[in-house]
Each structure stands twice: as structure tokens, then as C-alpha cells.
């Protein structure tokens, strides 16, 4: 039975009383779980707490059950007017799962865009339902995803057709698309992720058990 141990306005961490599992929820459903600058700082803090809590041996990161997806990405309007120096460390917060010494599983259902996808890529494992969608919309405006761009998992993760837009060379590189390839920043459904799962029905069942 879960017991809420750590809570903020838009994040919630539940630790199971019977097994050493922590469920970390992004809980801002009214904004499609868009991640604000304050939430980014809290994510770092929460993972510090996870690291120190000996009751936790594995973490499941997901969108709040009442929401419509994992995360719509960064809360872009909240970035306006913020000093550039503060924006320079955006990647640090989104790579918090990567620095965690305990296994972190991203349980994805619905939209997983931008910063939300960066956060998922920083996890050790990603489990997605057939209803899931993935995208880096910032590519359309000429911006490179912050955390994922320097994450080795970004190069090794299958992105189906838009994989022609990147190459595994230590960092992601935009190339000219081949004929018929999806455009950069386009939305991918989980059934296009060739390495994500061999059985969408099995994946969905396992997702529900997390």
C-alpha cells in the first residue's frame, strides 16, 4: 500500500509500504504535466531524496493518473523573461534519473514531448502503451533538445523513420532527410518505436502493473 512521503504542488512521490518501490508522479494535469522551472528544481531535489532514502530500491516515473499523458514538455511561457544563466542548466534537471544510482523506469502513456521525452530518455528503462506519442517539437524552431542531445541513450534509442535525422556519433546531428522520411519534430506513436517493445499488448499490461 503506497504512502505519500514527499509532496509539492506539482510533483508527488509515493513509497510502497510492502515493497521497496517509489512511484514518482508528474502531477500538473491541468497543463498536460508541462514542467515549469520550479518543477525542474524540485525534480533534482526529489531525486536527491530518493538517493538518500534506504527504503527505495527502484523508482517508477510517470504522469499523474488523472492526466492525459506523461508530459507535454517544458512550460515555455514560464521561460520568458528568465535570465539566460538560469536557462543554461536546464539539462541538469532533466538528467536527474540518469545520475540516480537506483533503477528508474519511465512508465509512459499518452503524450511524451520535449522536456518530458528528455526526462524519459534519462531513465534506465522506458515502458510505453500503444497510446503513447513522442516528439521533440523544439527541433522545428532550430533548437536542440537539451538533456537528450548529450545523453548516450538518445543515440541508441530507436526513433523509427526520423532516425535518419540523427546519427550515433557521440552527439545527435541533424542531417538532410531521405525521401519519404518524417520531418524533424514530428510526432511518433509507440508502434513506430521498433526497439520499444515486440508486443504492444504485453507492454500495455505490464505498464498497468507498474
C-alpha atoms as a PDB file:
ATOM      1  CA  UNK A   1       0.000   0.000   0.000  1.00  0.00           C
ATOM      2  CA  UNK A   2       1.547   3.323  -1.057  1.00  0.00           C
ATOM      3  CA  UNK A   3       2.192   6.080   1.415  1.00  0.00           C
ATOM      4  CA  UNK A   4       2.885   9.651   0.278  1.00  0.00           C
ATOM      5  CA  UNK A   5       6.238  10.644   1.699  1.00  0.00           C
ATOM      6  CA  UNK A   6       7.241  13.669  -0.377  1.00  0.00           C
ATOM      7  CA  UNK A   7       4.882  16.137  -1.997  1.00  0.00           C
ATOM      8  CA  UNK A   8       4.937  19.508  -3.756  1.00  0.00           C
ATOM      9  CA  UNK A   9       2.412  21.476  -5.787  1.00  0.00           C
ATOM     10  CA  UNK A  10       3.060  19.525  -8.991  1.00  0.00           C
ATOM     11  CA  UNK A  11       5.143  16.501  -8.015  1.00  0.00           C
ATOM     12  CA  UNK A  12       4.331  13.543  -5.782  1.00  0.00           C
ATOM     13  CA  UNK A  13       6.491  10.687  -4.541  1.00  0.00           C
ATOM     14  CA  UNK A  14       4.820   7.618  -3.074  1.00  0.00           C
ATOM     15  CA  UNK A  15       6.780   4.864  -1.349  1.00  0.00           C
ATOM     16  CA  UNK A  16       5.177   1.441  -1.184  1.00  0.00           C
ATOM     17  CA  UNK A  17       4.883   0.136   2.361  1.00  0.00           C
ATOM     18  CA  UNK A  18       5.237  -3.516   1.362  1.00  0.00           C
ATOM     19  CA  UNK A  19       7.918  -3.436  -1.349  1.00  0.00           C
ATOM     20  CA  UNK A  20      10.868  -1.041  -1.902  1.00  0.00           C
ATOM     21  CA  UNK A  21       9.272   0.776  -4.834  1.00  0.00           C
ATOM     22  CA  UNK A  22       8.829   4.546  -5.180  1.00  0.00           C
ATOM     23  CA  UNK A  23       6.273   5.948  -7.613  1.00  0.00           C
ATOM     24  CA  UNK A  24       7.207   9.435  -8.770  1.00  0.00           C
ATOM     25  CA  UNK A  25       4.276  11.324 -10.353  1.00  0.00           C
ATOM     26  CA  UNK A  26       4.361  14.446 -12.506  1.00  0.00           C
ATOM     27  CA  UNK A  27       1.078  15.935 -11.280  1.00  0.00           C
ATOM     28  CA  UNK A  28       0.075  19.007 -13.254  1.00  0.00           C
ATOM     29  CA  UNK A  29      -2.817  17.615 -15.312  1.00  0.00           C
ATOM     30  CA  UNK A  30      -4.439  20.998 -15.947  1.00  0.00           C
ATOM     31  CA  UNK A  31      -1.358  21.912 -18.057  1.00  0.00           C
ATOM     32  CA  UNK A  32      -0.789  18.437 -19.521  1.00  0.00           C
ATOM     33  CA  UNK A  33       2.032  17.911 -16.999  1.00  0.00           C
ATOM     34  CA  UNK A  34       4.129  20.686 -18.554  1.00  0.00           C
ATOM     35  CA  UNK A  35       7.283  21.127 -16.473  1.00  0.00           C
ATOM     36  CA  UNK A  36       7.952  24.589 -15.015  1.00  0.00           C
ATOM     37  CA  UNK A  37      11.328  25.928 -13.893  1.00  0.00           C
ATOM     38  CA  UNK A  38      10.256  25.431 -10.274  1.00  0.00           C
ATOM     39  CA  UNK A  39       9.345  21.817 -11.039  1.00  0.00           C
ATOM     40  CA  UNK A  40      12.769  21.280 -12.594  1.00  0.00           C
ATOM     41  CA  UNK A  41      14.419  22.352  -9.346  1.00  0.00           C
ATOM     42  CA  UNK A  42      12.055  20.109  -7.405  1.00  0.00           C
ATOM     43  CA  UNK A  43      12.871  17.132  -9.640  1.00  0.00           C
ATOM     44  CA  UNK A  44      16.543  17.492  -8.685  1.00  0.00           C
ATOM     45  CA  UNK A  45      15.575  17.740  -5.008  1.00  0.00           C
ATOM     46  CA  UNK A  46      13.249  14.732  -5.167  1.00  0.00           C
ATOM     47  CA  UNK A  47      15.923  12.554  -6.753  1.00  0.00           C
ATOM     48  CA  UNK A  48      18.328  13.619  -4.014  1.00  0.00           C
ATOM     49  CA  UNK A  49      15.730  12.392  -1.502  1.00  0.00           C
ATOM     50  CA  UNK A  50      15.331   9.152  -3.441  1.00  0.00           C
ATOM     51  CA  UNK A  51      19.069   8.624  -3.358  1.00  0.00           C
ATOM     52  CA  UNK A  52      19.191   9.072   0.410  1.00  0.00           C
ATOM     53  CA  UNK A  53      16.096   7.005   1.274  1.00  0.00           C
ATOM     54  CA  UNK A  54      17.141   3.423   2.007  1.00  0.00           C
ATOM     55  CA  UNK A  55      13.545   2.193   1.712  1.00  0.00           C
ATOM     56  CA  UNK A  56      13.672   2.793  -2.055  1.00  0.00           C
ATOM     57  CA  UNK A  57      15.351   0.330  -4.401  1.00  0.00           C
ATOM     58  CA  UNK A  58      13.573   1.153  -7.677  1.00  0.00           C
ATOM     59  CA  UNK A  59      11.673   4.191  -8.996  1.00  0.00           C
ATOM     60  CA  UNK A  60       8.723   4.348 -11.416  1.00  0.00           C
ATOM     61  CA  UNK A  61       8.340   7.792 -13.013  1.00  0.00           C
ATOM     62  CA  UNK A  62       5.007   8.591 -14.678  1.00  0.00           C
ATOM     63  CA  UNK A  63       2.330  11.203 -15.283  1.00  0.00           C
ATOM     64  CA  UNK A  64      -0.412  11.554 -12.683  1.00  0.00           C
ATOM     65  CA  UNK A  65      -3.272   9.061 -13.246  1.00  0.00           C
ATOM     66  CA  UNK A  66      -5.805  11.859 -13.748  1.00  0.00           C
ATOM     67  CA  UNK A  67      -3.703  13.419 -16.517  1.00  0.00           C
ATOM     68  CA  UNK A  68      -3.653  12.835 -20.278  1.00  0.00           C
ATOM     69  CA  UNK A  69      -0.058  11.761 -20.705  1.00  0.00           C
ATOM     70  CA  UNK A  70       3.473  11.591 -19.361  1.00  0.00           C
ATOM     71  CA  UNK A  71       4.411  15.239 -20.006  1.00  0.00           C
ATOM     72  CA  UNK A  72       3.849  17.844 -22.714  1.00  0.00           C
ATOM     73  CA  UNK A  73       7.402  19.099 -22.107  1.00  0.00           C
ATOM     74  CA  UNK A  74       8.666  22.379 -20.735  1.00  0.00           C
ATOM     75  CA  UNK A  75       6.317  25.195 -19.720  1.00  0.00           C
ATOM     76  CA  UNK A  76       7.647  27.542 -22.409  1.00  0.00           C
ATOM     77  CA  UNK A  77       5.698  30.690 -21.360  1.00  0.00           C
ATOM     78  CA  UNK A  78       7.363  30.389 -17.967  1.00  0.00           C
ATOM     79  CA  UNK A  79      10.791  30.650 -19.586  1.00  0.00           C
ATOM     80  CA  UNK A  80      10.135  34.140 -20.960  1.00  0.00           C
ATOM     81  CA  UNK A  81      11.995  36.818 -19.061  1.00  0.00           C
ATOM     82  CA  UNK A  82      14.227  34.313 -17.274  1.00  0.00           C
ATOM     83  CA  UNK A  83      17.952  35.212 -17.345  1.00  0.00           C
ATOM     84  CA  UNK A  84      19.965  33.152 -19.804  1.00  0.00           C
ATOM     85  CA  UNK A  85      22.254  31.961 -16.999  1.00  0.00           C
ATOM     86  CA  UNK A  86      19.305  30.192 -15.370  1.00  0.00           C
ATOM     87  CA  UNK A  87      18.287  28.561 -18.632  1.00  0.00           C
ATOM     88  CA  UNK A  88      21.801  27.216 -19.199  1.00  0.00           C
ATOM     89  CA  UNK A  89      21.299  24.437 -16.647  1.00  0.00           C
ATOM     90  CA  UNK A  90      18.002  23.043 -17.938  1.00  0.00           C
ATOM     91  CA  UNK A  91      19.686  19.793 -18.951  1.00  0.00           C
ATOM     92  CA  UNK A  92      20.877  19.134 -15.406  1.00  0.00           C
ATOM     93  CA  UNK A  93      17.372  18.707 -14.003  1.00  0.00           C
ATOM     94  CA  UNK A  94      16.114  16.552 -16.864  1.00  0.00           C
ATOM     95  CA  UNK A  95      19.096  14.200 -16.477  1.00  0.00           C
ATOM     96  CA  UNK A  96      18.390  13.587 -12.773  1.00  0.00           C
ATOM     97  CA  UNK A  97      17.210   9.978 -13.397  1.00  0.00           C
ATOM     98  CA  UNK A  98      20.484   9.244 -15.196  1.00  0.00           C
ATOM     99  CA  UNK A  99      22.514  10.288 -12.145  1.00  0.00           C
ATOM    100  CA  UNK A 100      20.378   8.208  -9.765  1.00  0.00           C
ATOM    101  CA  UNK A 101      22.158   5.031  -8.640  1.00  0.00           C
ATOM    102  CA  UNK A 102      18.800   3.237  -8.302  1.00  0.00           C
ATOM    103  CA  UNK A 103      16.962   1.886 -11.369  1.00  0.00           C
ATOM    104  CA  UNK A 104      14.427   4.363 -12.768  1.00  0.00           C
ATOM    105  CA  UNK A 105      11.581   3.203 -15.039  1.00  0.00           C
ATOM    106  CA  UNK A 106       9.601   5.685 -17.147  1.00  0.00           C
ATOM    107  CA  UNK A 107       6.009   4.423 -17.448  1.00  0.00           C
ATOM    108  CA  UNK A 108       4.638   6.332 -20.457  1.00  0.00           C
ATOM    109  CA  UNK A 109       1.024   6.646 -21.545  1.00  0.00           C
ATOM    110  CA  UNK A 110      -0.125   9.358 -23.946  1.00  0.00           C
ATOM    111  CA  UNK A 111       1.975  12.359 -24.980  1.00  0.00           C
ATOM    112  CA  UNK A 112       5.675  12.493 -24.142  1.00  0.00           C
ATOM    113  CA  UNK A 113       7.109  15.617 -25.753  1.00  0.00           C
ATOM    114  CA  UNK A 114      10.150  17.880 -25.440  1.00  0.00           C
ATOM    115  CA  UNK A 115      11.420  18.058 -21.881  1.00  0.00           C
ATOM    116  CA  UNK A 116       9.173  15.163 -20.934  1.00  0.00           C
ATOM    117  CA  UNK A 117      10.877  12.980 -23.553  1.00  0.00           C
ATOM    118  CA  UNK A 118      14.281  14.179 -22.339  1.00  0.00           C
ATOM    119  CA  UNK A 119      13.308  13.089 -18.829  1.00  0.00           C
ATOM    120  CA  UNK A 120      12.136   9.697 -20.097  1.00  0.00           C
ATOM    121  CA  UNK A 121      15.342   9.188 -22.083  1.00  0.00           C
ATOM    122  CA  UNK A 122      17.352   9.789 -18.926  1.00  0.00           C
ATOM    123  CA  UNK A 123      15.632   6.845 -17.224  1.00  0.00           C
ATOM    124  CA  UNK A 124      17.142   3.358 -17.281  1.00  0.00           C
ATOM    125  CA  UNK A 125      14.031   1.784 -18.814  1.00  0.00           C
ATOM    126  CA  UNK A 126      11.019   3.075 -20.751  1.00  0.00           C
ATOM    127  CA  UNK A 127       7.713   1.184 -20.852  1.00  0.00           C
ATOM    128  CA  UNK A 128       5.055   2.712 -23.122  1.00  0.00           C
ATOM    129  CA  UNK A 129       1.472   1.860 -24.005  1.00  0.00           C
ATOM    130  CA  UNK A 130       0.345   1.729 -27.658  1.00  0.00           C
ATOM    131  CA  UNK A 131      -1.420   5.039 -26.963  1.00  0.00           C
ATOM    132  CA  UNK A 132       1.882   6.845 -26.375  1.00  0.00           C
ATOM    133  CA  UNK A 133       3.242   9.576 -28.655  1.00  0.00           C
ATOM    134  CA  UNK A 134       6.767  11.014 -28.757  1.00  0.00           C
ATOM    135  CA  UNK A 135       8.209  14.212 -30.220  1.00  0.00           C
ATOM    136  CA  UNK A 136      10.864  16.910 -29.887  1.00  0.00           C
ATOM    137  CA  UNK A 137       8.831  19.909 -31.139  1.00  0.00           C
ATOM    138  CA  UNK A 138      11.732  22.274 -30.413  1.00  0.00           C
ATOM    139  CA  UNK A 139      13.594  20.871 -33.433  1.00  0.00           C
ATOM    140  CA  UNK A 140      11.122  22.651 -35.705  1.00  0.00           C
ATOM    141  CA  UNK A 141      12.365  26.004 -34.425  1.00  0.00           C
ATOM    142  CA  UNK A 142      16.025  25.068 -34.815  1.00  0.00           C
ATOM    143  CA  UNK A 143      16.671  24.217 -31.172  1.00  0.00           C
ATOM    144  CA  UNK A 144      18.424  21.070 -29.966  1.00  0.00           C
ATOM    145  CA  UNK A 145      16.892  19.079 -27.093  1.00  0.00           C
ATOM    146  CA  UNK A 146      18.964  19.991 -24.050  1.00  0.00           C
ATOM    147  CA  UNK A 147      19.372  16.852 -21.962  1.00  0.00           C
ATOM    148  CA  UNK A 148      18.743  14.238 -24.622  1.00  0.00           C
ATOM    149  CA  UNK A 149      21.200  15.831 -27.026  1.00  0.00           C
ATOM    150  CA  UNK A 150      24.092  14.839 -24.780  1.00  0.00           C
ATOM    151  CA  UNK A 151      22.577  11.614 -23.483  1.00  0.00           C
ATOM    152  CA  UNK A 152      24.040   8.440 -24.956  1.00  0.00           C
ATOM    153  CA  UNK A 153      20.623   6.829 -24.819  1.00  0.00           C
ATOM    154  CA  UNK A 154      19.361   9.360 -27.362  1.00  0.00           C
ATOM    155  CA  UNK A 155      21.669   7.882 -29.970  1.00  0.00           C
ATOM    156  CA  UNK A 156      20.931   4.259 -29.097  1.00  0.00           C
ATOM    157  CA  UNK A 157      17.146   4.641 -28.790  1.00  0.00           C
ATOM    158  CA  UNK A 158      15.190   3.728 -31.930  1.00  0.00           C
ATOM    159  CA  UNK A 159      13.271   6.681 -33.348  1.00  0.00           C
ATOM    160  CA  UNK A 160      11.947   4.813 -36.391  1.00  0.00           C
ATOM    161  CA  UNK A 161      11.763   6.964 -39.550  1.00  0.00           C
ATOM    162  CA  UNK A 162      13.147  10.190 -38.023  1.00  0.00           C
ATOM    163  CA  UNK A 163      16.286   8.233 -37.077  1.00  0.00           C
ATOM    164  CA  UNK A 164      17.527   9.452 -40.463  1.00  0.00           C
ATOM    165  CA  UNK A 165      17.764  12.870 -38.848  1.00  0.00           C
ATOM    166  CA  UNK A 166      20.345  11.790 -36.293  1.00  0.00           C
ATOM    167  CA  UNK A 167      23.408   9.592 -36.204  1.00  0.00           C
ATOM    168  CA  UNK A 168      25.252   7.879 -33.323  1.00  0.00           C
ATOM    169  CA  UNK A 169      28.467   9.874 -33.165  1.00  0.00           C
ATOM    170  CA  UNK A 170      28.637  10.882 -29.519  1.00  0.00           C
ATOM    171  CA  UNK A 171      26.088  13.590 -30.115  1.00  0.00           C
ATOM    172  CA  UNK A 172      22.942  13.994 -32.164  1.00  0.00           C
ATOM    173  CA  UNK A 173      23.417  15.506 -35.594  1.00  0.00           C
ATOM    174  CA  UNK A 174      20.711  16.828 -37.890  1.00  0.00           C
ATOM    175  CA  UNK A 175      21.042  15.605 -41.460  1.00  0.00           C
ATOM    176  CA  UNK A 176      19.107  16.118 -44.633  1.00  0.00           C
ATOM    177  CA  UNK A 177      16.145  13.716 -44.657  1.00  0.00           C
ATOM    178  CA  UNK A 178      15.838  10.856 -47.079  1.00  0.00           C
ATOM    179  CA  UNK A 179      12.887  10.822 -49.419  1.00  0.00           C
ATOM    180  CA  UNK A 180       9.728   9.952 -47.563  1.00  0.00           C
ATOM    181  CA  UNK A 181      11.249  10.376 -44.115  1.00  0.00           C
ATOM    182  CA  UNK A 182       9.275  12.047 -41.360  1.00  0.00           C
ATOM    183  CA  UNK A 183      10.077  15.671 -40.712  1.00  0.00           C
ATOM    184  CA  UNK A 184      12.079  16.623 -37.614  1.00  0.00           C
ATOM    185  CA  UNK A 185       9.936  17.253 -34.557  1.00  0.00           C
ATOM    186  CA  UNK A 186       7.077  15.163 -35.909  1.00  0.00           C
ATOM    187  CA  UNK A 187       5.037  13.023 -33.526  1.00  0.00           C
ATOM    188  CA  UNK A 188       5.817   9.324 -33.339  1.00  0.00           C
ATOM    189  CA  UNK A 189       3.448   6.730 -31.949  1.00  0.00           C
ATOM    190  CA  UNK A 190       4.753   3.908 -29.810  1.00  0.00           C
ATOM    191  CA  UNK A 191       4.022   1.340 -32.518  1.00  0.00           C
ATOM    192  CA  UNK A 192       6.687   3.076 -34.630  1.00  0.00           C
ATOM    193  CA  UNK A 193       9.352   2.526 -31.975  1.00  0.00           C
ATOM    194  CA  UNK A 194      10.904  -0.629 -33.351  1.00  0.00           C
ATOM    195  CA  UNK A 195      13.006  -1.324 -30.266  1.00  0.00           C
ATOM    196  CA  UNK A 196      10.446  -0.237 -27.703  1.00  0.00           C
ATOM    197  CA  UNK A 197       8.515  -3.499 -27.479  1.00  0.00           C
ATOM    198  CA  UNK A 198       7.769  -6.573 -29.552  1.00  0.00           C
ATOM    199  CA  UNK A 199       4.253  -6.962 -28.152  1.00  0.00           C
ATOM    200  CA  UNK A 200       2.155  -3.807 -27.601  1.00  0.00           C
ATOM    201  CA  UNK A 201      -0.489  -5.794 -25.702  1.00  0.00           C
ATOM    202  CA  UNK A 202       2.099  -7.263 -23.345  1.00  0.00           C
ATOM    203  CA  UNK A 203       3.622  -3.818 -22.928  1.00  0.00           C
ATOM    204  CA  UNK A 204       0.261  -2.287 -22.037  1.00  0.00           C
ATOM    205  CA  UNK A 205      -0.416  -4.992 -19.452  1.00  0.00           C
ATOM    206  CA  UNK A 206       2.983  -4.550 -17.857  1.00  0.00           C
ATOM    207  CA  UNK A 207       2.521  -0.762 -17.848  1.00  0.00           C
ATOM    208  CA  UNK A 208      -0.713  -1.142 -15.854  1.00  0.00           C
ATOM    209  CA  UNK A 209       1.069  -3.254 -13.258  1.00  0.00           C
ATOM    210  CA  UNK A 210       3.695  -0.584 -12.517  1.00  0.00           C
END
